[in-house]
């Protein structure tokens, strides 16, 4: 039951403040956002391939909307150690991808 709960948290990435395992799970799930730029770009390309059936303009608009939601959050990573290590780079990666999507 606990494993299923943790997996389901990755759908919306929202956890309660006192949920240490949940914070770790969603932070692990989002860790790619804070990867080095080359790894992040490969991830972004894989996302585009996964949604290859979506027309380009619709994909760009939808993807940018999702990325902006992450940027609007006070913190991307629920776990403090992930936040300390990856938050700044994740925000830079997201902003860079949004700029590319809107170019």
N, C-alpha and C. Protein backbone atom coordinates (compact mmCIF):
# COMPACT_ATOMS: atom_id res chain seq x y z
N UNK A 1 0.82 -1.18 0.00
CA UNK A 1 0.00 0.00 0.00
C UNK A 1 0.88 1.26 0.00
N UNK A 2 1.92 1.24 0.81
CA UNK A 2 2.81 2.41 0.88
C UNK A 2 3.54 2.63 -0.44
N UNK A 3 4.00 1.56 -1.05
CA UNK A 3 4.68 1.69 -2.35
C UNK A 3 3.73 2.29 -3.38
N UNK A 4 2.50 1.85 -3.40
CA UNK A 4 1.53 2.40 -4.35
C UNK A 4 1.28 3.88 -4.06
N UNK A 5 1.17 4.25 -2.80
CA UNK A 5 0.96 5.65 -2.44
C UNK A 5 2.11 6.52 -2.94
N UNK A 6 3.32 6.05 -2.72
CA UNK A 6 4.49 6.82 -3.14
C UNK A 6 4.54 6.97 -4.66
N UNK A 7 4.25 5.91 -5.36
CA UNK A 7 4.23 5.97 -6.83
C UNK A 7 3.18 6.95 -7.31
N UNK A 8 2.01 6.93 -6.70
CA UNK A 8 0.94 7.83 -7.11
C UNK A 8 1.28 9.30 -6.84
N UNK A 9 2.13 9.57 -5.87
CA UNK A 9 2.55 10.95 -5.61
C UNK A 9 3.28 11.56 -6.80
N UNK A 10 3.89 10.73 -7.62
CA UNK A 10 4.65 11.25 -8.76
C UNK A 10 3.73 11.80 -9.85
N UNK A 11 2.44 11.56 -9.73
CA UNK A 11 1.51 12.09 -10.73
C UNK A 11 1.37 13.60 -10.59
N UNK A 12 1.27 14.10 -9.38
CA UNK A 12 1.08 15.53 -9.18
C UNK A 12 2.20 16.22 -8.44
N UNK A 13 3.11 15.43 -7.88
CA UNK A 13 4.29 15.94 -7.17
C UNK A 13 3.96 16.81 -5.97
N UNK A 14 2.80 16.63 -5.36
CA UNK A 14 2.43 17.39 -4.18
C UNK A 14 2.47 16.47 -2.96
N UNK A 15 3.16 16.92 -1.93
CA UNK A 15 3.27 16.13 -0.70
C UNK A 15 2.98 17.00 0.51
N UNK A 16 2.55 16.35 1.56
CA UNK A 16 2.34 17.04 2.83
C UNK A 16 3.70 17.37 3.44
N UNK A 17 3.76 18.43 4.21
CA UNK A 17 5.01 18.90 4.80
C UNK A 17 5.74 17.82 5.60
N UNK A 18 5.03 17.05 6.36
CA UNK A 18 5.65 16.04 7.23
C UNK A 18 5.90 14.70 6.53
N UNK A 19 5.64 14.60 5.26
CA UNK A 19 5.77 13.33 4.53
C UNK A 19 7.19 13.19 3.98
N UNK A 20 8.10 12.72 4.81
CA UNK A 20 9.51 12.60 4.43
C UNK A 20 9.70 11.65 3.24
N UNK A 21 9.07 10.49 3.27
CA UNK A 21 9.23 9.55 2.16
C UNK A 21 8.60 10.10 0.89
N UNK A 22 7.47 10.74 1.02
CA UNK A 22 6.83 11.35 -0.15
C UNK A 22 7.71 12.43 -0.75
N UNK A 23 8.31 13.26 0.11
CA UNK A 23 9.21 14.32 -0.37
C UNK A 23 10.39 13.73 -1.11
N UNK A 24 10.94 12.65 -0.59
CA UNK A 24 12.04 11.98 -1.29
C UNK A 24 11.60 11.42 -2.63
N UNK A 25 10.44 10.77 -2.64
CA UNK A 25 9.96 10.14 -3.88
C UNK A 25 9.75 11.16 -4.98
N UNK A 26 9.04 12.24 -4.68
CA UNK A 26 8.78 13.21 -5.74
C UNK A 26 10.06 13.94 -6.14
N UNK A 27 10.96 14.14 -5.20
CA UNK A 27 12.23 14.79 -5.53
C UNK A 27 13.09 13.90 -6.43
N UNK A 28 13.10 12.62 -6.14
CA UNK A 28 13.82 11.68 -7.01
C UNK A 28 13.19 11.69 -8.40
N UNK A 29 11.86 11.68 -8.45
CA UNK A 29 11.17 11.67 -9.74
C UNK A 29 11.50 12.92 -10.56
N UNK A 30 11.68 14.04 -9.89
CA UNK A 30 11.97 15.30 -10.59
C UNK A 30 13.47 15.59 -10.72
N UNK A 31 14.30 14.70 -10.27
CA UNK A 31 15.75 14.98 -10.24
C UNK A 31 16.31 15.30 -11.63
N UNK A 32 15.75 14.75 -12.68
CA UNK A 32 16.25 15.02 -14.04
C UNK A 32 16.17 16.50 -14.36
N UNK A 33 15.23 17.21 -13.76
CA UNK A 33 15.11 18.64 -14.05
C UNK A 33 16.36 19.40 -13.63
N UNK A 34 17.07 18.89 -12.64
CA UNK A 34 18.28 19.54 -12.16
C UNK A 34 19.56 18.91 -12.68
N UNK A 35 19.45 18.11 -13.72
CA UNK A 35 20.63 17.45 -14.31
C UNK A 35 21.48 18.47 -15.05
N UNK A 36 22.69 18.07 -15.42
CA UNK A 36 23.52 18.96 -16.23
C UNK A 36 22.79 19.21 -17.55
N UNK A 37 23.07 20.34 -18.19
CA UNK A 37 22.31 20.72 -19.39
C UNK A 37 22.24 19.65 -20.48
N UNK A 38 23.32 18.94 -20.74
CA UNK A 38 23.29 17.91 -21.79
C UNK A 38 22.31 16.79 -21.44
N UNK A 39 22.34 16.33 -20.20
CA UNK A 39 21.42 15.27 -19.77
C UNK A 39 19.98 15.78 -19.79
N UNK A 40 19.77 17.01 -19.36
CA UNK A 40 18.43 17.58 -19.39
C UNK A 40 17.92 17.68 -20.83
N UNK A 41 18.76 18.14 -21.73
CA UNK A 41 18.35 18.26 -23.13
C UNK A 41 17.98 16.90 -23.73
N UNK A 42 18.72 15.85 -23.36
CA UNK A 42 18.39 14.51 -23.84
C UNK A 42 17.04 14.07 -23.28
N UNK A 43 16.78 14.39 -22.02
CA UNK A 43 15.48 14.10 -21.41
C UNK A 43 14.37 14.84 -22.15
N UNK A 44 14.57 16.14 -22.40
CA UNK A 44 13.55 16.95 -23.08
C UNK A 44 13.27 16.39 -24.48
N UNK A 45 14.29 15.95 -25.16
CA UNK A 45 14.11 15.35 -26.49
C UNK A 45 13.33 14.04 -26.38
N UNK A 46 13.60 13.26 -25.34
CA UNK A 46 12.87 12.00 -25.14
C UNK A 46 11.39 12.28 -24.85
N UNK A 47 11.12 13.35 -24.12
CA UNK A 47 9.72 13.74 -23.87
C UNK A 47 9.04 14.08 -25.20
N UNK A 48 9.75 14.84 -26.04
CA UNK A 48 9.16 15.19 -27.34
C UNK A 48 8.88 13.95 -28.16
N UNK A 49 9.79 12.98 -28.14
CA UNK A 49 9.59 11.74 -28.89
C UNK A 49 8.39 10.97 -28.34
N UNK A 50 8.22 10.98 -27.03
CA UNK A 50 7.09 10.30 -26.41
C UNK A 50 5.76 10.90 -26.88
N UNK A 51 5.79 12.20 -27.15
CA UNK A 51 4.59 12.90 -27.60
C UNK A 51 4.68 13.28 -29.08
N UNK A 52 5.33 12.46 -29.86
CA UNK A 52 5.51 12.73 -31.29
C UNK A 52 4.18 12.83 -32.02
N UNK A 53 3.15 12.19 -31.50
CA UNK A 53 1.83 12.23 -32.11
C UNK A 53 1.14 13.58 -31.93
N UNK A 54 1.66 14.43 -31.06
CA UNK A 54 1.06 15.74 -30.79
C UNK A 54 1.67 16.75 -31.77
N UNK A 55 0.85 17.53 -32.45
CA UNK A 55 1.38 18.55 -33.37
C UNK A 55 2.35 19.50 -32.65
N UNK A 56 3.33 19.96 -33.38
CA UNK A 56 4.41 20.76 -32.80
C UNK A 56 3.92 21.95 -31.98
N UNK A 57 3.04 22.75 -32.54
CA UNK A 57 2.58 23.94 -31.82
C UNK A 57 1.83 23.59 -30.55
N UNK A 58 1.01 22.56 -30.62
CA UNK A 58 0.28 22.13 -29.43
C UNK A 58 1.25 21.60 -28.37
N UNK A 59 2.24 20.84 -28.80
CA UNK A 59 3.23 20.32 -27.86
C UNK A 59 3.97 21.47 -27.20
N UNK A 60 4.44 22.41 -27.99
CA UNK A 60 5.21 23.54 -27.43
C UNK A 60 4.39 24.30 -26.40
N UNK A 61 3.15 24.59 -26.72
CA UNK A 61 2.30 25.33 -25.79
C UNK A 61 2.04 24.54 -24.51
N UNK A 62 1.73 23.27 -24.65
CA UNK A 62 1.44 22.43 -23.49
C UNK A 62 2.66 22.20 -22.63
N UNK A 63 3.77 21.92 -23.27
CA UNK A 63 5.01 21.68 -22.52
C UNK A 63 5.44 22.95 -21.79
N UNK A 64 5.38 24.08 -22.44
CA UNK A 64 5.75 25.34 -21.79
C UNK A 64 4.85 25.61 -20.60
N UNK A 65 3.57 25.31 -20.71
CA UNK A 65 2.63 25.50 -19.61
C UNK A 65 3.02 24.64 -18.40
N UNK A 66 3.37 23.39 -18.65
CA UNK A 66 3.79 22.48 -17.58
C UNK A 66 5.07 23.00 -16.92
N UNK A 67 6.03 23.41 -17.73
CA UNK A 67 7.30 23.88 -17.19
C UNK A 67 7.12 25.16 -16.40
N UNK A 68 6.26 26.05 -16.87
CA UNK A 68 5.99 27.30 -16.13
C UNK A 68 5.38 27.01 -14.77
N UNK A 69 4.57 25.98 -14.68
CA UNK A 69 3.97 25.61 -13.39
C UNK A 69 5.05 25.20 -12.39
N UNK A 70 6.05 24.47 -12.86
CA UNK A 70 7.16 24.13 -11.97
C UNK A 70 7.90 25.39 -11.54
N UNK A 71 8.15 26.30 -12.46
CA UNK A 71 8.86 27.53 -12.12
C UNK A 71 8.06 28.42 -11.17
N UNK A 72 6.76 28.37 -11.25
CA UNK A 72 5.92 29.21 -10.39
C UNK A 72 5.87 28.71 -8.95
N UNK A 73 6.22 27.46 -8.74
CA UNK A 73 6.18 26.90 -7.39
C UNK A 73 7.28 27.53 -6.53
N UNK A 74 7.03 27.69 -5.25
CA UNK A 74 8.07 28.23 -4.37
C UNK A 74 9.33 27.36 -4.37
N UNK A 75 9.14 26.05 -4.52
CA UNK A 75 10.27 25.11 -4.60
C UNK A 75 9.86 23.97 -5.52
N UNK A 76 10.79 23.55 -6.36
CA UNK A 76 10.54 22.40 -7.23
C UNK A 76 10.67 21.11 -6.44
N UNK A 77 11.67 21.06 -5.58
CA UNK A 77 11.98 19.85 -4.82
C UNK A 77 11.42 19.92 -3.41
N UNK A 78 10.62 18.93 -3.04
CA UNK A 78 10.04 18.87 -1.70
C UNK A 78 11.08 18.52 -0.64
N UNK A 79 12.07 17.75 -1.03
CA UNK A 79 13.12 17.34 -0.09
C UNK A 79 14.20 18.42 -0.01
N UNK A 80 14.53 18.88 1.19
CA UNK A 80 15.51 19.96 1.33
C UNK A 80 16.88 19.66 0.73
N UNK A 81 17.36 18.43 0.84
CA UNK A 81 18.69 18.13 0.29
C UNK A 81 18.68 18.18 -1.24
N UNK A 82 17.61 17.72 -1.87
CA UNK A 82 17.49 17.84 -3.33
C UNK A 82 17.39 19.31 -3.71
N UNK A 83 16.61 20.06 -2.94
CA UNK A 83 16.43 21.48 -3.22
C UNK A 83 17.77 22.21 -3.17
N UNK A 84 18.54 21.93 -2.17
CA UNK A 84 19.84 22.58 -2.01
C UNK A 84 20.78 22.27 -3.18
N UNK A 85 20.77 21.03 -3.63
CA UNK A 85 21.69 20.60 -4.69
C UNK A 85 21.20 20.91 -6.10
N UNK A 86 19.89 20.85 -6.35
CA UNK A 86 19.41 20.86 -7.73
C UNK A 86 18.49 22.02 -8.11
N UNK A 87 17.94 22.73 -7.15
CA UNK A 87 16.92 23.73 -7.45
C UNK A 87 17.38 24.78 -8.46
N UNK A 88 18.54 25.37 -8.25
CA UNK A 88 19.00 26.44 -9.15
C UNK A 88 19.20 25.93 -10.57
N UNK A 89 19.84 24.77 -10.71
CA UNK A 89 20.07 24.23 -12.05
C UNK A 89 18.76 23.82 -12.70
N UNK A 90 17.81 23.28 -11.91
CA UNK A 90 16.51 22.90 -12.47
C UNK A 90 15.80 24.14 -13.01
N UNK A 91 15.82 25.21 -12.26
CA UNK A 91 15.16 26.43 -12.71
C UNK A 91 15.82 26.97 -13.99
N UNK A 92 17.13 26.88 -14.06
CA UNK A 92 17.84 27.32 -15.27
C UNK A 92 17.47 26.43 -16.46
N UNK A 93 17.43 25.12 -16.26
CA UNK A 93 17.06 24.20 -17.34
C UNK A 93 15.64 24.47 -17.82
N UNK A 94 14.72 24.65 -16.90
CA UNK A 94 13.33 24.89 -17.27
C UNK A 94 13.19 26.20 -18.05
N UNK A 95 13.85 27.24 -17.56
CA UNK A 95 13.78 28.53 -18.26
C UNK A 95 14.38 28.42 -19.66
N UNK A 96 15.46 27.69 -19.78
CA UNK A 96 16.11 27.51 -21.08
C UNK A 96 15.21 26.75 -22.04
N UNK A 97 14.55 25.69 -21.54
CA UNK A 97 13.65 24.93 -22.42
C UNK A 97 12.44 25.77 -22.82
N UNK A 98 11.89 26.53 -21.91
CA UNK A 98 10.76 27.39 -22.23
C UNK A 98 11.15 28.38 -23.33
N UNK A 99 12.32 28.97 -23.19
CA UNK A 99 12.78 29.92 -24.22
C UNK A 99 12.89 29.22 -25.57
N UNK A 100 13.39 28.01 -25.60
CA UNK A 100 13.51 27.27 -26.86
C UNK A 100 12.13 26.93 -27.42
N UNK A 101 11.21 26.56 -26.57
CA UNK A 101 9.86 26.23 -27.03
C UNK A 101 9.15 27.44 -27.60
N UNK A 102 9.46 28.61 -27.08
CA UNK A 102 8.78 29.82 -27.52
C UNK A 102 9.53 30.55 -28.64
N UNK A 103 10.68 30.03 -29.03
CA UNK A 103 11.48 30.67 -30.08
C UNK A 103 10.87 30.43 -31.45
